[in-house]
Amino acid sequence: MRSLRRALRGVRWYVRELTDESAYDRYVAHVRKDHPQALVPTRRAFERMRTDRQEEDPRQGFRCC
């Protein structure tokens, strides 16, 4: 049973990394470590910032929708 849980945690970690779902968690850890006085944005605000940054950068590719 323990090995099954371990395998499922590994799959969950892999999928989160693959889809970049863990980006917010990494960002929050960065802000708390390097800028402890700064406010941590909500997940929604973070995703909006991220989307805006991607749309402004021509190296990110074309976003159709």
C-alpha atoms as a PDB file:
ATOM      1  CA  MET A   1       0.000   0.000   0.000  1.00  0.00           C
ATOM      2  CA  ARG A   2       2.864   2.371   0.839  1.00  0.00           C
ATOM      3  CA  SER A   3       4.450   1.846  -2.560  1.00  0.00           C
ATOM      4  CA  LEU A   4       1.137   2.597  -4.292  1.00  0.00           C
ATOM      5  CA  ARG A   5       0.844   5.910  -2.423  1.00  0.00           C
ATOM      6  CA  ARG A   6       4.432   6.736  -3.275  1.00  0.00           C
ATOM      7  CA  ALA A   7       3.802   5.965  -6.946  1.00  0.00           C
ATOM      8  CA  LEU A   8       0.650   8.114  -6.981  1.00  0.00           C
ATOM      9  CA  ARG A   9       2.522  11.018  -5.369  1.00  0.00           C
ATOM     10  CA  GLY A  10       5.168  10.661  -8.064  1.00  0.00           C
ATOM     11  CA  VAL A  11       2.562  10.713 -10.823  1.00  0.00           C
ATOM     12  CA  ARG A  12       0.860  13.738  -9.260  1.00  0.00           C
ATOM     13  CA  TRP A  13       4.198  15.581  -9.024  1.00  0.00           C
ATOM     14  CA  TYR A  14       5.039  14.713 -12.638  1.00  0.00           C
ATOM     15  CA  VAL A  15       1.678  15.896 -13.995  1.00  0.00           C
ATOM     16  CA  ARG A  16       1.855  19.152 -11.988  1.00  0.00           C
ATOM     17  CA  GLU A  17       5.355  19.845 -13.341  1.00  0.00           C
ATOM     18  CA  LEU A  18       4.406  18.877 -16.881  1.00  0.00           C
ATOM     19  CA  THR A  19       1.370  21.177 -16.944  1.00  0.00           C
ATOM     20  CA  ASP A  20       3.198  23.900 -14.969  1.00  0.00           C
ATOM     21  CA  GLU A  21       0.500  23.748 -12.306  1.00  0.00           C
ATOM     22  CA  SER A  22       3.231  24.063  -9.665  1.00  0.00           C
ATOM     23  CA  ALA A  23       4.415  27.449 -10.987  1.00  0.00           C
ATOM     24  CA  TYR A  24       2.278  29.327  -8.465  1.00  0.00           C
ATOM     25  CA  ASP A  25       3.671  27.297  -5.571  1.00  0.00           C
ATOM     26  CA  ARG A  26       7.228  28.029  -6.711  1.00  0.00           C
ATOM     27  CA  TYR A  27       6.411  31.739  -7.103  1.00  0.00           C
ATOM     28  CA  VAL A  28       4.900  31.962  -3.617  1.00  0.00           C
ATOM     29  CA  ALA A  29       7.963  30.258  -2.121  1.00  0.00           C
ATOM     30  CA  HIS A  30      10.216  32.703  -3.989  1.00  0.00           C
ATOM     31  CA  VAL A  31       8.285  35.773  -2.822  1.00  0.00           C
ATOM     32  CA  ARG A  32       8.211  34.620   0.787  1.00  0.00           C
ATOM     33  CA  LYS A  33      11.938  33.831   0.774  1.00  0.00           C
ATOM     34  CA  ASP A  34      13.373  36.750  -1.206  1.00  0.00           C
ATOM     35  CA  HIS A  35      10.758  39.458  -0.572  1.00  0.00           C
ATOM     36  CA  PRO A  36       9.183  38.740   2.827  1.00  0.00           C
ATOM     37  CA  GLN A  37       7.663  42.230   3.079  1.00  0.00           C
ATOM     38  CA  ALA A  38       5.851  41.919  -0.277  1.00  0.00           C
ATOM     39  CA  LEU A  39       2.256  40.814  -0.558  1.00  0.00           C
ATOM     40  CA  VAL A  40       1.732  37.424  -2.170  1.00  0.00           C
ATOM     41  CA  PRO A  41      -0.731  37.713  -5.060  1.00  0.00           C
ATOM     42  CA  THR A  42      -3.729  35.443  -5.267  1.00  0.00           C
ATOM     43  CA  ARG A  43      -3.550  32.552  -7.672  1.00  0.00           C
ATOM     44  CA  ARG A  44      -5.901  34.389 -10.015  1.00  0.00           C
ATOM     45  CA  ALA A  45      -3.742  37.524  -9.985  1.00  0.00           C
ATOM     46  CA  PHE A  46      -0.629  35.405 -10.556  1.00  0.00           C
ATOM     47  CA  GLU A  47      -2.192  33.679 -13.571  1.00  0.00           C
ATOM     48  CA  ARG A  48      -3.276  37.058 -14.969  1.00  0.00           C
ATOM     49  CA  MET A  49       0.279  38.437 -14.570  1.00  0.00           C
ATOM     50  CA  ARG A  50       1.685  35.334 -16.204  1.00  0.00           C
ATOM     51  CA  THR A  51      -0.724  35.496 -19.131  1.00  0.00           C
ATOM     52  CA  ASP A  52      -0.084  39.205 -19.668  1.00  0.00           C
ATOM     53  CA  ARG A  53       3.678  38.617 -19.644  1.00  0.00           C
ATOM     54  CA  GLN A  54       3.353  35.805 -22.186  1.00  0.00           C
ATOM     55  CA  GLU A  55       1.184  37.904 -24.504  1.00  0.00           C
ATOM     56  CA  GLU A  56       3.621  40.834 -24.391  1.00  0.00           C
ATOM     57  CA  ASP A  57       6.669  38.709 -25.217  1.00  0.00           C
ATOM     58  CA  PRO A  58       6.889  37.796 -28.915  1.00  0.00           C
ATOM     59  CA  ARG A  59       9.257  34.926 -28.079  1.00  0.00           C
ATOM     60  CA  GLN A  60       6.426  33.135 -26.284  1.00  0.00           C
ATOM     61  CA  GLY A  61       4.640  32.407 -29.531  1.00  0.00           C
ATOM     62  CA  PHE A  62       1.243  33.276 -30.904  1.00  0.00           C
ATOM     63  CA  ARG A  63      -1.781  32.927 -28.665  1.00  0.00           C
ATOM     64  CA  CYS A  64      -4.902  32.485 -30.722  1.00  0.00           C
ATOM     65  CA  CYS A  65      -7.566  32.396 -28.036  1.00  0.00           C
END
